[in-house]
Amino acid sequence: MNIFDKYPYIVVEGPIGCGKSTLLKVLAKEQSPNNGNVSIPNGIIIGYLMQDLDFEDGRTVLEEAQTAFDYLNEIELKMNLANQQLTERTDYESKEYLDIITEFNYLEERFRMGGGHDTAAEISQVLTGLGFTQYDFNRQTTEFSGGWRMRIELAKILLKKPDL
């Protein structure tokens, strides 16, 4: 199965200098338009793979792919904090205690709906679909050529499940 069978893509083509990259940068909010406005609805996730990447060294392929889920990691940290507060408190009937329970339930629902319990399987599927082996998952990103590192960045975009 080809990775693009599951994740459709758009090809933008044209002569050199016609503005393809500029258009994509404006849509990805990496650059402001010279005039006019770009209106993108809230909650829309835009994936953009830049031509020239600035790689951050010191991570394995798996650790780098996991950065696609930073928002879930933040939610999980907040859940852990709320859970710690719940275990330390004894004022079970207070409004503050009930507020913490409400916050925890909200966070847990966001985590679950965001796929927080399935990230490992998703990462494995996407990386494997892009040609990485299980052995590669624990290798440092610096061990890979620029083309393979570009695939890691593509994996992160696919894992975010962009709308565009």
N, C-alpha and C. Protein backbone atom coordinates (compact mmCIF):
# COMPACT_ATOMS: atom_id res chain seq x y z
N MET A 1 0.85 -1.19 0.00
CA MET A 1 0.00 0.00 0.00
C MET A 1 0.89 1.24 0.00
N ASN A 2 0.64 2.13 -0.89
CA ASN A 2 1.36 3.38 -0.99
C ASN A 2 0.81 4.36 0.05
N ILE A 3 1.69 5.12 0.70
CA ILE A 3 1.27 6.07 1.74
C ILE A 3 0.26 7.07 1.18
N PHE A 4 0.36 7.40 -0.12
CA PHE A 4 -0.53 8.41 -0.68
C PHE A 4 -1.91 7.85 -1.02
N ASP A 5 -2.08 6.50 -0.91
CA ASP A 5 -3.42 5.94 -1.04
C ASP A 5 -4.28 6.37 0.14
N LYS A 6 -3.64 6.49 1.30
CA LYS A 6 -4.37 6.87 2.51
C LYS A 6 -4.42 8.39 2.67
N TYR A 7 -3.37 9.08 2.24
CA TYR A 7 -3.27 10.53 2.41
C TYR A 7 -3.20 11.20 1.04
N PRO A 8 -4.33 11.72 0.54
CA PRO A 8 -4.31 12.39 -0.76
C PRO A 8 -3.46 13.66 -0.69
N TYR A 9 -2.97 14.09 -1.81
CA TYR A 9 -2.12 15.27 -1.84
C TYR A 9 -2.44 16.12 -3.06
N ILE A 10 -1.94 17.33 -3.03
CA ILE A 10 -2.15 18.28 -4.11
C ILE A 10 -0.79 18.61 -4.71
N VAL A 11 -0.73 18.68 -6.01
CA VAL A 11 0.51 19.07 -6.69
C VAL A 11 0.32 20.48 -7.22
N VAL A 12 1.25 21.36 -6.87
CA VAL A 12 1.25 22.72 -7.40
C VAL A 12 2.44 22.82 -8.33
N GLU A 13 2.19 23.11 -9.59
CA GLU A 13 3.29 23.19 -10.53
C GLU A 13 3.18 24.44 -11.38
N GLY A 14 4.32 24.84 -11.91
CA GLY A 14 4.39 26.02 -12.76
C GLY A 14 5.84 26.39 -12.99
N PRO A 15 6.09 27.37 -13.81
CA PRO A 15 7.47 27.74 -14.11
C PRO A 15 8.17 28.35 -12.89
N ILE A 16 9.47 28.33 -12.92
CA ILE A 16 10.28 28.90 -11.84
C ILE A 16 9.93 30.37 -11.68
N GLY A 17 9.72 30.78 -10.44
CA GLY A 17 9.48 32.18 -10.14
C GLY A 17 8.05 32.65 -10.29
N CYS A 18 7.10 31.74 -10.54
CA CYS A 18 5.72 32.19 -10.75
C CYS A 18 4.96 32.37 -9.44
N GLY A 19 5.55 31.96 -8.30
CA GLY A 19 4.91 32.19 -7.01
C GLY A 19 4.33 30.96 -6.33
N LYS A 20 4.72 29.77 -6.76
CA LYS A 20 4.18 28.54 -6.15
C LYS A 20 4.52 28.49 -4.66
N SER A 21 5.80 28.66 -4.34
CA SER A 21 6.22 28.59 -2.94
C SER A 21 5.61 29.72 -2.12
N THR A 22 5.52 30.89 -2.70
CA THR A 22 4.93 32.04 -2.00
C THR A 22 3.47 31.77 -1.67
N LEU A 23 2.73 31.23 -2.63
CA LEU A 23 1.33 30.88 -2.39
C LEU A 23 1.20 29.92 -1.23
N LEU A 24 2.02 28.87 -1.23
CA LEU A 24 1.94 27.87 -0.16
C LEU A 24 2.35 28.45 1.19
N LYS A 25 3.36 29.32 1.19
CA LYS A 25 3.79 29.95 2.44
C LYS A 25 2.70 30.85 3.00
N VAL A 26 2.00 31.55 2.14
CA VAL A 26 0.90 32.42 2.59
C VAL A 26 -0.23 31.56 3.17
N LEU A 27 -0.58 30.46 2.49
CA LEU A 27 -1.63 29.59 3.00
C LEU A 27 -1.25 28.95 4.33
N ALA A 28 0.05 28.65 4.51
CA ALA A 28 0.53 28.02 5.75
C ALA A 28 0.84 29.05 6.83
N LYS A 29 0.57 30.31 6.55
CA LYS A 29 0.81 31.41 7.49
C LYS A 29 2.29 31.56 7.83
N GLU A 30 3.15 31.15 6.91
CA GLU A 30 4.60 31.33 7.06
C GLU A 30 5.02 32.70 6.52
N GLN A 31 4.15 33.30 5.72
CA GLN A 31 4.44 34.58 5.09
C GLN A 31 3.13 35.35 4.93
N SER A 32 3.19 36.66 5.04
CA SER A 32 2.00 37.50 4.86
C SER A 32 1.86 37.89 3.40
N PRO A 33 0.63 38.00 2.93
CA PRO A 33 0.44 38.45 1.54
C PRO A 33 0.83 39.92 1.40
N ASN A 34 1.26 40.30 0.20
CA ASN A 34 1.62 41.70 -0.06
C ASN A 34 0.41 42.62 0.09
N ASN A 35 -0.74 42.15 -0.32
CA ASN A 35 -1.98 42.89 -0.11
C ASN A 35 -3.13 41.91 -0.05
N GLY A 36 -4.24 42.37 0.47
CA GLY A 36 -5.39 41.50 0.63
C GLY A 36 -5.30 40.68 1.90
N ASN A 37 -6.24 39.77 2.06
CA ASN A 37 -6.32 38.93 3.26
C ASN A 37 -6.44 37.47 2.86
N VAL A 38 -6.03 36.62 3.76
CA VAL A 38 -6.28 35.19 3.64
C VAL A 38 -7.10 34.80 4.85
N SER A 39 -8.28 34.28 4.61
CA SER A 39 -9.18 33.90 5.70
C SER A 39 -9.24 32.38 5.78
N ILE A 40 -8.77 31.86 6.90
CA ILE A 40 -8.77 30.42 7.13
C ILE A 40 -9.58 30.15 8.39
N PRO A 41 -10.59 29.30 8.30
CA PRO A 41 -11.43 29.02 9.47
C PRO A 41 -10.62 28.48 10.64
N ASN A 42 -11.05 28.80 11.85
CA ASN A 42 -10.41 28.26 13.05
C ASN A 42 -10.47 26.75 13.04
N GLY A 43 -9.42 26.13 13.54
CA GLY A 43 -9.39 24.68 13.65
C GLY A 43 -8.89 23.96 12.41
N ILE A 44 -8.70 24.68 11.31
CA ILE A 44 -8.19 24.07 10.09
C ILE A 44 -6.69 23.82 10.28
N ILE A 45 -6.25 22.60 10.00
CA ILE A 45 -4.83 22.25 10.11
C ILE A 45 -4.24 22.23 8.71
N ILE A 46 -3.21 23.03 8.52
CA ILE A 46 -2.55 23.11 7.22
C ILE A 46 -1.17 22.49 7.35
N GLY A 47 -0.89 21.52 6.49
CA GLY A 47 0.42 20.89 6.46
C GLY A 47 1.25 21.51 5.36
N TYR A 48 2.47 21.88 5.68
CA TYR A 48 3.34 22.51 4.70
C TYR A 48 4.75 21.98 4.87
N LEU A 49 5.26 21.35 3.83
CA LEU A 49 6.62 20.82 3.84
C LEU A 49 7.51 21.81 3.11
N MET A 50 8.32 22.51 3.87
CA MET A 50 9.19 23.53 3.28
C MET A 50 10.28 22.88 2.43
N GLN A 51 10.75 23.62 1.43
CA GLN A 51 11.81 23.10 0.56
C GLN A 51 13.14 23.01 1.31
N ASP A 52 13.44 24.00 2.12
CA ASP A 52 14.68 24.02 2.89
C ASP A 52 14.32 23.88 4.36
N LEU A 53 14.76 22.78 4.94
CA LEU A 53 14.41 22.51 6.32
C LEU A 53 15.57 22.82 7.24
N ASP A 54 15.24 23.28 8.43
CA ASP A 54 16.22 23.53 9.48
C ASP A 54 16.05 22.42 10.50
N PHE A 55 16.88 21.39 10.40
CA PHE A 55 16.73 20.21 11.25
C PHE A 55 17.28 20.46 12.64
N GLU A 56 16.58 19.90 13.63
CA GLU A 56 17.06 19.94 15.00
C GLU A 56 17.66 18.57 15.32
N ASP A 57 18.93 18.55 15.66
CA ASP A 57 19.63 17.29 15.91
C ASP A 57 19.41 16.84 17.35
N GLY A 58 19.79 15.57 17.61
CA GLY A 58 19.74 15.05 18.97
C GLY A 58 18.53 14.18 19.27
N ARG A 59 17.75 13.86 18.26
CA ARG A 59 16.57 13.02 18.47
C ARG A 59 16.65 11.80 17.56
N THR A 60 15.97 10.75 17.99
CA THR A 60 15.81 9.59 17.12
C THR A 60 14.66 9.88 16.15
N VAL A 61 14.53 9.03 15.15
CA VAL A 61 13.43 9.17 14.20
C VAL A 61 12.10 9.11 14.94
N LEU A 62 11.98 8.18 15.87
CA LEU A 62 10.73 8.04 16.63
C LEU A 62 10.45 9.27 17.48
N GLU A 63 11.46 9.78 18.17
CA GLU A 63 11.28 10.98 18.99
C GLU A 63 10.89 12.18 18.14
N GLU A 64 11.49 12.29 16.97
CA GLU A 64 11.15 13.41 16.08
C GLU A 64 9.71 13.28 15.59
N ALA A 65 9.30 12.07 15.23
CA ALA A 65 7.93 11.85 14.77
C ALA A 65 6.93 12.15 15.88
N GLN A 66 7.30 11.85 17.12
CA GLN A 66 6.40 12.10 18.25
C GLN A 66 6.14 13.58 18.47
N THR A 67 7.00 14.45 17.95
CA THR A 67 6.77 15.89 18.12
C THR A 67 5.51 16.34 17.37
N ALA A 68 5.03 15.53 16.45
CA ALA A 68 3.78 15.86 15.76
C ALA A 68 2.61 15.88 16.74
N PHE A 69 2.80 15.23 17.88
CA PHE A 69 1.73 15.14 18.88
C PHE A 69 2.04 15.97 20.12
N ASP A 70 2.79 17.05 19.97
CA ASP A 70 3.12 17.90 21.11
C ASP A 70 1.87 18.40 21.82
N TYR A 71 0.82 18.72 21.07
CA TYR A 71 -0.41 19.22 21.69
C TYR A 71 -1.02 18.15 22.59
N LEU A 72 -0.93 16.88 22.19
CA LEU A 72 -1.45 15.80 23.05
C LEU A 72 -0.58 15.62 24.29
N ASN A 73 0.73 15.81 24.13
CA ASN A 73 1.63 15.71 25.29
C ASN A 73 1.31 16.80 26.31
N GLU A 74 0.98 18.01 25.83
CA GLU A 74 0.61 19.10 26.73
C GLU A 74 -0.69 18.77 27.46
N ILE A 75 -1.65 18.22 26.75
CA ILE A 75 -2.91 17.83 27.37
C ILE A 75 -2.65 16.76 28.43
N GLU A 76 -1.80 15.80 28.11
CA GLU A 76 -1.50 14.73 29.07
C GLU A 76 -0.83 15.28 30.33
N LEU A 77 0.06 16.26 30.17
CA LEU A 77 0.69 16.88 31.33
C LEU A 77 -0.35 17.57 32.21
N LYS A 78 -1.29 18.27 31.59
CA LYS A 78 -2.36 18.93 32.35
C LYS A 78 -3.25 17.91 33.04
N MET A 79 -3.49 16.79 32.38
CA MET A 79 -4.28 15.73 33.00
C MET A 79 -3.57 15.18 34.23
N ASN A 80 -2.27 14.96 34.11
CA ASN A 80 -1.49 14.45 35.23
C ASN A 80 -1.49 15.42 36.41
N LEU A 81 -1.40 16.72 36.10
CA LEU A 81 -1.44 17.74 37.15
C LEU A 81 -2.80 17.73 37.85
N ALA A 82 -3.87 17.67 37.07
CA ALA A 82 -5.22 17.64 37.65
C ALA A 82 -5.40 16.37 38.49
N ASN A 83 -4.91 15.25 38.00
CA ASN A 83 -5.01 14.00 38.73
C ASN A 83 -4.24 14.06 40.05
N GLN A 84 -3.07 14.68 40.02
CA GLN A 84 -2.28 14.84 41.24
C GLN A 84 -3.03 15.70 42.25
N GLN A 85 -3.65 16.78 41.78
CA GLN A 85 -4.43 17.64 42.67
C GLN A 85 -5.59 16.87 43.29
N LEU A 86 -6.22 16.03 42.48
CA LEU A 86 -7.35 15.25 42.99
C LEU A 86 -6.92 14.26 44.07
N THR A 87 -5.76 13.67 43.92
CA THR A 87 -5.31 12.70 44.92
C THR A 87 -4.83 13.37 46.20
N GLU A 88 -4.38 14.62 46.12
CA GLU A 88 -3.86 15.33 47.29
C GLU A 88 -4.95 16.03 48.10
N ARG A 89 -6.06 16.33 47.46
CA ARG A 89 -7.12 17.09 48.14
C ARG A 89 -8.03 16.17 48.93
N THR A 90 -8.63 16.73 49.96
CA THR A 90 -9.59 15.98 50.77
C THR A 90 -10.94 16.70 50.87
N ASP A 91 -11.04 17.84 50.19
CA ASP A 91 -12.29 18.62 50.25
C ASP A 91 -13.23 18.17 49.11
N TYR A 92 -13.67 16.94 49.20
CA TYR A 92 -14.41 16.29 48.12
C TYR A 92 -15.72 16.97 47.75
N GLU A 93 -16.29 17.72 48.63
CA GLU A 93 -17.59 18.35 48.38
C GLU A 93 -17.45 19.81 47.92
N SER A 94 -16.22 20.32 47.85
CA SER A 94 -16.04 21.73 47.51
C SER A 94 -16.20 21.97 46.00
N LYS A 95 -16.50 23.22 45.68
CA LYS A 95 -16.62 23.62 44.28
C LYS A 95 -15.28 23.46 43.55
N GLU A 96 -14.18 23.80 44.23
CA GLU A 96 -12.85 23.70 43.62
C GLU A 96 -12.54 22.25 43.22
N TYR A 97 -12.89 21.32 44.10
CA TYR A 97 -12.66 19.90 43.81
C TYR A 97 -13.47 19.47 42.58
N LEU A 98 -14.73 19.88 42.53
CA LEU A 98 -15.59 19.55 41.39
C LEU A 98 -15.09 20.21 40.11
N ASP A 99 -14.54 21.42 40.22
CA ASP A 99 -13.97 22.10 39.06
C ASP A 99 -12.78 21.32 38.50
N ILE A 100 -11.95 20.77 39.39
CA ILE A 100 -10.80 19.97 38.95
C ILE A 100 -11.27 18.71 38.24
N ILE A 101 -12.31 18.07 38.78
CA ILE A 101 -12.87 16.88 38.13
C ILE A 101 -13.41 17.24 36.74
N THR A 102 -14.11 18.35 36.64
CA THR A 102 -14.65 18.80 35.36
C THR A 102 -13.52 19.07 34.37
N GLU A 103 -12.48 19.75 34.81
CA GLU A 103 -11.33 20.03 33.95
C GLU A 103 -10.65 18.74 33.51
N PHE A 104 -10.47 17.80 34.43
CA PHE A 104 -9.83 16.53 34.09
C PHE A 104 -10.66 15.78 33.04
N ASN A 105 -11.96 15.74 33.23
CA ASN A 105 -12.83 15.05 32.26
C ASN A 105 -12.76 15.70 30.89
N TYR A 106 -12.74 17.03 30.86
CA TYR A 106 -12.63 17.76 29.60
C TYR A 106 -11.30 17.42 28.90
N LEU A 107 -10.21 17.46 29.68
CA LEU A 107 -8.89 17.16 29.11
C LEU A 107 -8.81 15.72 28.62
N GLU A 108 -9.36 14.80 29.40
CA GLU A 108 -9.31 13.39 29.01
C GLU A 108 -10.08 13.15 27.73
N GLU A 109 -11.20 13.83 27.57
CA GLU A 109 -11.99 13.70 26.34
C GLU A 109 -11.22 14.27 25.15
N ARG A 110 -10.58 15.41 25.31
CA ARG A 110 -9.76 15.99 24.24
C ARG A 110 -8.61 15.05 23.87
N PHE A 111 -7.98 14.46 24.88
CA PHE A 111 -6.87 13.54 24.66
C PHE A 111 -7.35 12.31 23.89
N ARG A 112 -8.46 11.76 24.31
CA ARG A 112 -9.01 10.58 23.65
C ARG A 112 -9.44 10.88 22.22
N MET A 113 -10.15 11.99 22.03
CA MET A 113 -10.62 12.37 20.70
C MET A 113 -9.46 12.72 19.76
N GLY A 114 -8.37 13.20 20.34
CA GLY A 114 -7.19 13.52 19.54
C GLY A 114 -6.35 12.31 19.21
N GLY A 115 -6.78 11.14 19.67
CA GLY A 115 -6.05 9.91 19.37
C GLY A 115 -4.88 9.65 20.29
N GLY A 116 -4.91 10.23 21.47
CA GLY A 116 -3.79 10.11 22.40
C GLY A 116 -3.39 8.70 22.76
N HIS A 117 -4.32 7.77 22.69
CA HIS A 117 -4.01 6.39 23.05
C HIS A 117 -3.50 5.58 21.86
N ASP A 118 -3.53 6.16 20.66
CA ASP A 118 -3.17 5.43 19.44
C ASP A 118 -1.96 5.99 18.72
N THR A 119 -1.25 6.91 19.33
CA THR A 119 -0.17 7.59 18.60
C THR A 119 0.96 6.64 18.20
N ALA A 120 1.32 5.69 19.04
CA ALA A 120 2.43 4.78 18.71
C ALA A 120 2.13 3.99 17.44
N ALA A 121 0.92 3.49 17.33
CA ALA A 121 0.54 2.72 16.14
C ALA A 121 0.52 3.60 14.90
N GLU A 122 0.02 4.81 15.05
CA GLU A 122 -0.02 5.74 13.91
C GLU A 122 1.38 6.09 13.43
N ILE A 123 2.27 6.37 14.37
CA ILE A 123 3.64 6.72 14.02
C ILE A 123 4.29 5.55 13.27
N SER A 124 4.14 4.36 13.79
CA SER A 124 4.72 3.18 13.16
C SER A 124 4.18 2.99 11.74
N GLN A 125 2.88 3.15 11.57
CA GLN A 125 2.27 2.97 10.26
C GLN A 125 2.78 4.00 9.25
N VAL A 126 2.84 5.26 9.65
CA VAL A 126 3.27 6.31 8.74
C VAL A 126 4.76 6.17 8.40
N LEU A 127 5.59 5.96 9.41
CA LEU A 127 7.02 5.82 9.14
C LEU A 127 7.31 4.61 8.26
N THR A 128 6.65 3.50 8.53
CA THR A 128 6.83 2.30 7.71
C THR A 128 6.36 2.56 6.28
N GLY A 129 5.25 3.25 6.14
CA GLY A 129 4.73 3.60 4.81
C GLY A 129 5.66 4.49 4.02
N LEU A 130 6.50 5.25 4.72
CA LEU A 130 7.46 6.13 4.05
C LEU A 130 8.82 5.45 3.85
N GLY A 131 8.90 4.16 4.18
CA GLY A 131 10.12 3.41 3.89
C GLY A 131 11.06 3.17 5.06
N PHE A 132 10.72 3.62 6.26
CA PHE A 132 11.57 3.38 7.43
C PHE A 132 11.31 1.98 7.97
N THR A 133 12.34 1.37 8.51
CA THR A 133 12.20 0.06 9.16
C THR A 133 12.12 0.27 10.67
N GLN A 134 11.70 -0.77 11.38
CA GLN A 134 11.65 -0.69 12.84
C GLN A 134 13.03 -0.35 13.41
N TYR A 135 14.08 -0.86 12.79
CA TYR A 135 15.44 -0.56 13.22
C TYR A 135 15.72 0.94 13.11
N ASP A 136 15.21 1.56 12.04
CA ASP A 136 15.44 3.00 11.81
C ASP A 136 14.81 3.86 12.90
N PHE A 137 13.75 3.40 13.51
CA PHE A 137 13.02 4.21 14.48
C PHE A 137 13.91 4.71 15.62
N ASN A 138 14.90 3.92 16.01
CA ASN A 138 15.77 4.28 17.14
C ASN A 138 17.11 4.86 16.71
N ARG A 139 17.27 5.12 15.43
CA ARG A 139 18.49 5.75 14.93
C ARG A 139 18.36 7.27 15.04
N GLN A 140 19.47 7.94 15.25
CA GLN A 140 19.50 9.40 15.30
C GLN A 140 19.17 9.97 13.92
N THR A 141 18.44 11.07 13.90
CA THR A 141 18.08 11.68 12.61
C THR A 141 19.32 12.13 11.85
N THR A 142 20.41 12.43 12.57
CA THR A 142 21.64 12.88 11.92
C THR A 142 22.28 11.78 11.09
N GLU A 143 21.89 10.53 11.28
CA GLU A 143 22.44 9.42 10.52
C GLU A 143 21.83 9.33 9.12
N PHE A 144 20.81 10.12 8.85
CA PHE A 144 20.10 10.03 7.58
C PHE A 144 20.47 11.18 6.65
N SER A 145 20.35 10.92 5.37
CA SER A 145 20.60 11.95 4.36
C SER A 145 19.48 12.98 4.39
N GLY A 146 19.68 14.08 3.68
CA GLY A 146 18.67 15.13 3.63
C GLY A 146 17.33 14.64 3.10
N GLY A 147 17.36 13.74 2.12
CA GLY A 147 16.12 13.21 1.56
C GLY A 147 15.34 12.39 2.57
N TRP A 148 16.04 11.59 3.37
CA TRP A 148 15.38 10.79 4.40
C TRP A 148 14.89 11.68 5.53
N ARG A 149 15.64 12.71 5.84
CA ARG A 149 15.19 13.64 6.88
C ARG A 149 13.95 14.39 6.42
N MET A 150 13.88 14.65 5.12
CA MET A 150 12.68 15.27 4.56
C MET A 150 11.48 14.33 4.74
N ARG A 151 11.71 13.04 4.63
CA ARG A 151 10.63 12.06 4.85
C ARG A 151 10.16 12.10 6.30
N ILE A 152 11.07 12.33 7.22
CA ILE A 152 10.68 12.44 8.64
C ILE A 152 9.75 13.65 8.81
N GLU A 153 10.10 14.75 8.18
CA GLU A 153 9.25 15.95 8.25
C GLU A 153 7.90 15.69 7.60
N LEU A 154 7.90 14.96 6.49
CA LEU A 154 6.64 14.60 5.84
C LEU A 154 5.80 13.72 6.77
N ALA A 155 6.45 12.78 7.47
CA ALA A 155 5.73 11.93 8.42
C ALA A 155 5.05 12.78 9.49
N LYS A 156 5.75 13.79 9.99
CA LYS A 156 5.16 14.66 11.03
C LYS A 156 3.93 15.39 10.50
N ILE A 157 3.99 15.81 9.25
CA ILE A 157 2.84 16.49 8.67
C ILE A 157 1.67 15.51 8.53
N LEU A 158 1.95 14.32 8.02
CA LEU A 158 0.89 13.33 7.86
C LEU A 158 0.27 12.93 9.20
N LEU A 159 1.09 12.86 10.24
CA LEU A 159 0.59 12.49 11.57
C LEU A 159 -0.33 13.56 12.15
N LYS A 160 -0.14 14.79 11.75
CA LYS A 160 -1.01 15.88 12.22
C LYS A 160 -2.37 15.86 11.52
N LYS A 161 -2.49 15.04 10.47
CA LYS A 161 -3.73 14.90 9.71
C LYS A 161 -4.26 16.25 9.25
N PRO A 162 -3.50 16.93 8.41
CA PRO A 162 -3.93 18.25 7.98
C PRO A 162 -5.17 18.22 7.10
N ASP A 163 -5.93 19.29 7.17
CA ASP A 163 -7.10 19.44 6.30
C ASP A 163 -6.66 19.86 4.90
N LEU A 164 -5.52 20.54 4.83
CA LEU A 164 -4.98 21.00 3.55
C LEU A 164 -3.49 20.84 3.60
